[in-house]
Protein backbone atom coordinates (compact mmCIF):
# COMPACT_ATOMS: atom_id res chain seq x y z
CA MET A 1 110.44 177.05 178.81
CA THR A 2 111.10 180.19 180.84
CA VAL A 3 109.70 183.46 179.56
CA GLN A 4 111.18 186.71 180.90
CA THR A 5 108.70 189.41 181.70
CA THR A 6 109.29 193.01 180.70
CA HIS A 7 109.95 193.87 184.35
CA GLU A 8 112.54 191.11 184.67
CA ARG A 9 114.31 192.25 181.51
CA ARG A 10 114.37 195.83 182.72
CA SER A 11 115.76 194.72 186.09
CA LEU A 12 118.44 192.66 184.36
CA ASP A 13 119.40 195.55 182.08
CA LEU A 14 119.52 197.90 185.07
CA GLY A 15 121.74 195.47 186.97
CA ILE A 16 124.12 195.18 184.00
CA ARG A 17 124.29 198.96 183.60
CA THR A 18 124.86 199.43 187.34
CA SER A 19 127.66 196.83 187.34
CA ARG A 20 129.27 198.53 184.36
CA SER A 21 129.01 201.94 186.06
CA VAL A 22 130.59 200.60 189.25
CA GLY A 23 133.32 198.92 187.22
CA ARG A 24 134.05 202.14 185.32
CA ALA A 25 134.13 204.11 188.59
CA ILE A 26 136.58 201.65 190.14
CA LEU A 27 138.75 201.72 187.02
CA LEU A 28 138.75 205.54 186.93
CA ALA A 29 139.62 205.70 190.65
CA ALA A 30 142.47 203.25 190.13
CA LEU A 31 143.77 205.24 187.14
CA LEU A 32 143.55 208.44 189.17
CA LEU A 33 145.52 206.91 192.06
CA ILE A 34 148.14 205.53 189.67
CA SER A 35 148.45 208.94 187.99
CA VAL A 36 148.81 210.73 191.35
CA GLU A 37 151.40 208.18 192.51
CA ALA A 38 153.37 208.56 189.26
CA VAL A 39 153.41 212.35 189.60
CA LEU A 40 154.52 212.10 193.25
CA GLN A 41 157.28 209.62 192.38
CA VAL A 42 158.64 211.83 189.59
CA ARG A 43 158.45 214.92 191.80
CA SER A 44 160.20 213.16 194.68
CA HIS A 45 162.95 211.83 192.40
CA LEU A 46 163.62 215.26 190.90
CA ARG A 47 163.53 217.08 194.23
CA THR A 48 165.22 214.61 196.59
CA GLY A 49 166.52 211.69 194.49
CA ARG A 50 164.31 209.31 196.51
CA SER A 51 161.68 207.25 194.68
CA VAL A 52 160.75 203.75 193.62
CA TRP A 53 163.25 204.20 190.77
CA SER A 54 166.10 204.63 193.26
CA MET A 55 165.07 201.34 194.88
CA ILE A 56 164.96 199.49 191.55
CA THR A 57 168.39 200.80 190.57
CA SER A 58 169.91 199.95 193.98
CA SER A 59 170.49 203.60 194.75
CA SER A 60 168.19 203.80 197.77
CA MET A 61 168.91 206.07 200.69
CA TYR A 62 169.48 203.37 203.30
CA VAL A 63 171.33 200.06 203.33
CA ARG A 64 171.51 197.46 206.07
CA ASP A 65 175.03 197.04 207.38
CA ALA A 66 175.79 193.31 207.44
CA GLU A 67 178.36 193.66 210.21
CA LEU A 68 176.39 195.86 212.60
CA ASN A 69 172.89 194.67 211.61
CA ILE A 70 171.57 198.22 211.66
CA ARG A 71 170.65 200.43 208.76
CA LEU A 72 172.96 203.21 207.63
CA LEU A 73 173.00 205.66 204.77
CA ARG A 74 174.48 204.49 201.49
CA ALA A 75 178.19 205.15 201.93
CA SER A 76 180.25 207.67 199.94
CA ALA A 77 177.24 208.82 197.94
CA GLU A 78 175.28 211.90 197.00
CA ILE A 79 171.58 211.21 197.47
CA GLY A 80 169.23 213.91 196.31
CA GLY A 81 167.82 216.20 193.70
CA LYS A 82 166.97 219.86 193.23
CA ALA A 83 165.33 220.40 196.64
CA SER A 84 167.67 218.45 198.90
CA SER A 85 171.01 216.71 198.75
CA ILE A 86 172.51 214.34 201.30
CA LYS A 87 176.23 213.69 200.93
CA THR A 88 177.52 210.71 202.88
CA ASN A 89 180.94 209.54 204.00
CA ARG A 90 182.65 206.14 204.01
CA LEU A 91 180.96 205.25 207.32
CA GLY A 92 177.44 205.61 205.93
CA LEU A 93 176.81 208.82 207.87
CA ARG A 94 175.77 212.23 206.57
CA GLY A 95 178.78 214.52 206.24
CA GLU A 96 182.38 214.72 205.14
CA ASP A 97 184.88 211.94 205.79
CA ILE A 98 186.58 211.97 209.18
CA PRO A 99 190.20 210.76 209.46
CA ALA A 100 190.52 207.67 211.65
CA SER A 101 193.12 209.37 213.85
CA ARG A 102 192.31 212.64 215.58
CA PRO A 103 194.80 215.46 214.89
CA ASP A 104 196.51 217.05 217.90
CA ASN A 105 194.30 219.49 219.79
CA GLU A 106 191.27 218.86 217.54
CA LEU A 107 187.92 219.12 219.28
CA ARG A 108 186.10 216.13 217.80
CA ILE A 109 182.40 215.94 218.64
CA ALA A 110 179.76 213.39 217.63
CA VAL A 111 176.04 214.14 217.65
CA LEU A 112 174.26 210.81 217.98
CA GLY A 113 170.59 210.19 217.24
CA SER A 114 168.05 209.30 214.60
CA SER A 115 166.32 211.22 211.80
CA THR A 116 166.05 214.56 213.61
CA ILE A 117 169.86 214.67 213.80
CA MET A 118 170.30 213.30 210.28
CA SER A 119 168.01 216.17 209.16
CA PRO A 120 166.20 214.62 206.15
CA PHE A 121 164.49 217.92 205.28
CA ALA A 122 167.68 220.02 205.22
CA ALA A 123 168.34 221.14 201.64
CA SER A 124 172.06 220.41 201.95
CA ASN A 125 174.55 219.17 204.52
CA ASP A 126 175.53 222.70 205.54
CA GLN A 127 171.92 223.42 206.56
CA THR A 128 171.82 220.64 209.18
CA ALA A 129 172.14 221.51 212.87
CA VAL A 130 175.33 219.44 213.01
CA GLU A 131 177.18 221.38 210.31
CA ILE A 132 175.79 224.71 211.50
CA LEU A 133 177.21 223.82 214.92
CA GLN A 134 180.55 222.88 213.36
CA ALA A 135 180.77 226.18 211.47
CA ARG A 136 180.01 228.22 214.58
CA LEU A 137 182.51 226.33 216.75
CA ARG A 138 185.24 226.62 214.11
CA SER A 139 184.69 230.36 213.97
CA GLU A 140 184.56 230.79 217.73
CA LEU A 141 187.43 228.47 218.67
CA SER A 142 189.76 229.33 215.77
CA PRO A 143 192.58 228.47 215.24
CA ARG A 144 191.78 225.26 217.09
CA PRO A 145 190.53 222.57 214.65
CA VAL A 146 186.96 221.36 215.18
CA ALA A 147 185.11 218.43 213.63
CA VAL A 148 181.45 217.60 214.37
CA ILE A 149 180.24 214.18 213.20
CA ASN A 150 176.61 213.67 212.20
CA ALA A 151 175.79 210.25 213.70
CA GLY A 152 172.05 210.48 213.09
CA ILE A 153 170.32 207.73 211.10
CA GLY A 154 166.58 207.78 210.46
CA GLY A 155 164.62 205.10 212.31
CA LEU A 156 167.29 204.00 214.79
CA LYS A 157 166.12 203.09 218.27
CA VAL A 158 168.30 203.78 221.31
CA SER A 159 169.62 200.19 221.38
CA GLU A 160 170.77 200.58 217.75
CA GLN A 161 172.32 203.94 218.55
CA LEU A 162 174.42 202.12 221.17
CA VAL A 163 175.72 199.84 218.41
CA LEU A 164 176.62 202.86 216.30
CA LEU A 165 178.37 204.48 219.26
CA GLU A 166 180.58 201.48 219.98
CA ALA A 167 181.30 200.38 216.42
CA ARG A 168 181.66 203.70 214.57
CA LEU A 169 182.20 206.57 217.01
CA LEU A 170 184.57 205.18 219.65
CA PRO A 171 187.21 204.24 217.03
CA LEU A 172 187.18 207.88 215.84
CA ASP A 173 188.53 209.06 219.22
CA ILE A 174 185.80 211.62 219.80
CA SER A 175 186.16 214.20 222.56
CA LEU A 176 182.50 214.80 223.34
CA LEU A 177 179.20 213.04 222.64
CA ALA A 178 175.96 215.03 222.29
CA TRP A 179 173.16 212.45 222.36
CA TYR A 180 169.69 213.30 220.98
CA PRO A 181 167.91 209.92 221.20
CA GLY A 182 164.80 210.81 219.18
CA MET A 183 161.47 209.07 219.75
CA ASN A 184 161.63 205.80 217.80
CA ASP A 185 161.36 203.78 221.02
CA ILE A 186 157.75 204.97 221.25
CA SER A 187 156.20 202.45 218.86
CA CYS A 188 153.48 199.85 218.25
CA ALA A 189 153.50 196.05 218.25
CA ASP A 190 151.45 192.91 217.79
CA PRO A 191 149.97 192.17 221.25
CA GLN A 192 151.65 188.75 221.18
CA GLN A 193 155.05 190.33 220.46
CA ALA A 194 154.86 193.23 222.93
CA GLY A 195 157.66 192.91 225.42
CA LYS A 196 159.37 190.14 223.42
CA GLY A 197 162.01 192.07 221.53
CA SER A 198 161.55 194.22 218.46
CA PRO A 199 157.93 195.31 217.85
CA LYS A 200 156.30 193.64 214.86
CA ARG A 201 153.10 194.42 213.02
CA LEU A 202 150.39 191.88 212.47
CA PRO A 203 150.63 190.02 209.14
CA VAL A 204 148.03 192.14 207.38
CA PRO A 205 148.33 193.49 203.83
CA GLU A 206 150.28 196.76 203.70
CA LEU A 207 151.22 199.17 200.95
CA PRO A 208 154.86 199.03 199.83
CA SER A 209 157.13 201.47 201.67
CA TRP A 210 157.80 203.40 198.44
CA VAL A 211 154.15 204.41 197.91
CA LEU A 212 153.93 208.20 198.34
CA SER A 213 150.21 208.81 197.78
CA TYR A 214 149.45 207.21 201.16
CA ASP A 215 151.58 209.84 202.92
CA LEU A 216 149.74 212.55 201.00
CA LEU A 217 146.41 211.14 202.18
CA VAL A 218 147.58 210.89 205.80
CA LYS A 219 148.87 214.46 205.91
CA ASN A 220 145.61 215.83 204.52
CA SER A 221 143.18 213.87 206.70
CA THR A 222 144.18 214.85 210.23
CA TRP A 223 140.59 215.92 210.89
CA LEU A 224 139.65 212.21 210.79
CA ARG A 225 142.07 211.35 213.61
CA ARG A 226 140.93 213.51 216.51
CA SER A 227 139.65 210.55 218.46
CA ARG A 228 141.08 209.83 221.90
CA VAL A 229 141.93 206.30 220.77
CA GLY A 230 144.46 205.07 218.23
CA SER A 231 143.45 204.43 214.64
CA SER A 232 144.51 200.76 214.91
CA ARG A 233 143.13 198.31 217.45
CA LYS A 234 145.23 195.45 216.08
CA LEU A 235 148.40 196.91 217.60
CA VAL A 236 149.30 197.97 221.12
CA PRO A 237 151.57 200.76 222.38
CA VAL A 238 155.13 199.72 223.18
CA PHE A 239 157.22 202.06 225.29
CA ASP A 240 159.23 200.93 228.31
CA PRO A 241 160.65 203.89 230.27
CA SER A 242 162.75 201.57 232.46
CA ARG A 243 164.36 200.00 229.40
CA LEU A 244 165.01 203.46 227.94
CA ARG A 245 166.68 204.50 231.19
CA SER A 246 168.84 201.38 231.23
CA GLU A 247 169.99 201.85 227.62
CA LEU A 248 170.76 205.54 228.11
CA GLU A 249 172.80 204.76 231.22
CA GLU A 250 174.65 202.05 229.29
CA GLY A 251 175.54 204.57 226.61
CA VAL A 252 176.78 207.04 229.23
CA ARG A 253 178.88 204.27 230.81
CA ILE A 254 180.40 203.25 227.46
CA ALA A 255 181.30 206.84 226.58
CA ARG A 256 182.72 207.65 229.99
CA SER A 257 184.84 204.49 229.98
CA ALA A 258 186.44 205.80 226.79
CA GLY A 259 187.12 209.20 228.36
CA ILE A 260 184.35 210.92 226.40
CA GLN A 261 182.28 213.72 227.89
CA VAL A 262 178.52 213.21 227.41
CA VAL A 263 175.70 215.72 226.96
CA LEU A 264 172.14 214.36 226.76
CA VAL A 265 169.55 216.24 224.71
CA THR A 266 165.78 216.02 225.14
CA SER A 267 163.64 215.56 222.01
CA ALA A 268 161.73 218.60 220.77
CA ALA A 269 158.27 218.29 219.21
CA SER A 270 155.83 220.68 217.58
CA PHE A 271 153.02 219.43 219.82
CA SER A 272 152.35 219.18 223.55
CA PRO A 273 149.68 217.58 225.78
CA ASP A 274 148.16 220.95 226.72
CA MET A 275 147.08 221.78 223.12
CA ASN A 276 143.42 221.48 222.16
CA ALA A 277 142.47 218.20 220.49
CA GLY A 278 142.28 219.56 216.95
CA GLU A 279 145.62 221.36 217.02
CA LEU A 280 147.32 218.42 218.73
CA ALA A 281 146.03 216.01 216.06
CA ARG A 282 147.29 218.28 213.27
CA ARG A 283 150.72 218.78 214.82
CA ALA A 284 151.24 215.09 215.69
CA ALA A 285 149.81 213.66 212.43
CA THR A 286 153.09 212.48 210.88
CA GLY A 287 154.17 210.84 214.13
CA LEU A 288 150.82 209.04 214.46
CA GLU A 289 151.19 207.75 210.89
CA HIS A 290 153.95 205.48 212.20
CA ARG A 291 152.23 204.87 215.55
CA PRO A 292 148.60 204.01 214.70
CA CYS A 293 148.04 202.41 218.11
CA TYR A 294 148.35 205.82 219.80
CA SER A 295 145.91 208.68 219.98
CA ALA A 296 147.42 212.16 219.74
CA GLU A 297 146.96 212.63 223.49
CA GLU A 298 148.64 209.31 224.29
CA PHE A 299 151.56 210.07 221.99
CA ALA A 300 152.09 213.51 223.54
CA LYS A 301 152.07 212.05 227.05
CA ALA A 302 154.55 209.33 226.03
CA VAL A 303 156.91 211.99 224.64
CA THR A 304 156.70 213.85 227.97
CA VAL A 305 157.67 210.69 229.87
CA PHE A 306 160.44 209.99 227.33
CA ASN A 307 162.02 213.39 227.95
CA ASP A 308 161.61 213.09 231.71
CA VAL A 309 163.70 209.90 231.56
CA ILE A 310 166.44 211.73 229.64
CA ARG A 311 166.47 214.51 232.25
CA ASP A 312 166.58 212.00 235.12
CA VAL A 313 169.52 210.08 233.58
CA ALA A 314 171.47 213.31 233.05
CA PHE A 315 170.93 214.49 236.62
CA ALA A 316 171.56 211.06 238.17
CA ASN A 317 174.87 210.68 236.32
CA GLY A 318 176.02 214.26 236.76
CA ILE A 319 176.37 214.93 233.04
CA GLY A 320 175.38 217.82 230.81
CA LEU A 321 171.79 218.32 229.66
CA VAL A 322 170.47 220.38 226.77
CA ASP A 323 166.73 220.59 227.34
CA ALA A 324 165.80 221.15 223.71
CA ALA A 325 162.17 220.19 224.32
CA GLU A 326 161.83 223.05 226.80
CA ALA A 327 164.05 225.59 225.04
CA ILE A 328 162.66 225.10 221.51
CA GLY A 329 159.05 224.65 222.57
CA THR A 330 156.31 224.09 219.98
CA GLU A 331 156.76 227.15 217.73
CA LYS A 332 155.30 226.01 214.42
CA ASP A 333 157.86 227.75 212.19
CA LEU A 334 160.70 225.75 213.76
CA PHE A 335 159.30 222.44 212.46
CA VAL A 336 158.35 220.92 209.13
CA ASP A 337 156.30 218.13 210.75
CA ASP A 338 155.87 216.65 214.23
CA THR A 339 159.58 216.42 215.17
CA HIS A 340 161.81 217.39 212.23
CA PHE A 341 163.18 220.91 212.05
CA SER A 342 162.92 223.68 209.51
CA LEU A 343 166.10 225.65 208.80
CA ARG A 344 165.25 227.97 211.70
CA GLY A 345 164.81 224.95 213.93
CA GLU A 346 168.16 223.50 212.83
CA GLN A 347 169.81 226.82 213.66
CA ARG A 348 168.10 226.93 217.04
CA LEU A 349 169.26 223.43 217.98
CA ALA A 350 172.80 224.21 216.80
CA GLU A 351 172.90 227.28 219.04
CA LEU A 352 171.68 225.31 222.07
CA LEU A 353 174.41 222.72 221.52
CA ARG A 354 177.05 225.40 220.94
CA THR A 355 176.18 227.14 224.21
CA ALA A 356 176.36 223.87 226.14
CA ILE A 357 179.70 222.90 224.60
CA VAL A 358 181.56 226.16 225.05
CA SER A 359 180.34 226.55 228.63
CA SER A 360 180.99 222.93 229.65
CA PRO A 361 183.49 221.93 232.36
CA ALA A 362 185.59 220.33 229.61
CA ASP A 363 186.52 223.85 228.45
CA PRO A 364 186.58 223.22 224.65
CA ALA A 365 188.58 226.39 224.04
CA GLY A 366 191.44 224.91 226.02
CA GLY A 367 190.89 221.26 225.14
CA PRO A 368 188.66 218.64 226.75
CA ARG A 369 189.90 217.06 229.94
CA PRO A 370 189.28 213.38 230.86
């Protein structure tokens, strides 16, 4: 027969109380996280129309086009809430519908790119750089008709932008292509997949894409990510400047073969390699969230190389260049995060594009020449 001593009983009671305290703490933490997530989801749905509810009800922002195998916006929809509204056309692009045939003498321009061109933070379509550009050109070139197509889709890499160019923009008989490639080709991959097609993450547990509390945590913990190494050692950087050059040149060739004038645009960012480590980490935080294999310094250097390739392709092919990275700089008020523009930034980009278009050899005021 085993007899417990007073000390053993006290130790057992203490262990039980400690376990209960830990259990209560875990439960309270979980309830707190669930409450925060619920508040963020409701807030997001009311402000932007984007939440887990929109996914459940099949009213999400993006859909995958079965024919093109790239993602587009949900076609002919109004996606949004009180803070922002994105109206889409039949092609799954942000903006008004464009007739298939171009009216006589219309200057029809497409601005191709990813999320920076789509402008996810613009409160309405008329606050995007694309529609600001359209309004200014219509005023300046009146009575000549002008249409500017927003061909920006969040997350598209350059190879996917080529698909969009051939399948959606060429049939619209555009006169001029302004191409702002974005930075999605700077990414991370499983070491075994690097260089073997599309980058893939390791099969480790991840939070669902609709979870918003993670983004809140990331944006408020930049001070933890000032290291000169990436936050993930399970992934490796994937960025091939030679492949980028090849794909950009292919896009220029495709457009030129269709008689379309091309203007390349470098990608602006709110950060630069010459910033001190703390400021660079804060400015690049949202970009590093999607590129955990990069340090802030590595990411900034990759963006510099990315833009140098764009400049080289423009000069080598004798086409127009809008050096937005240089002209916009890193002024904080022009951005809402690492690469997406505030309203002032949208206006600044629109003005840079307007200047390039009206002063181009194609002479928009008189009609583009082949």
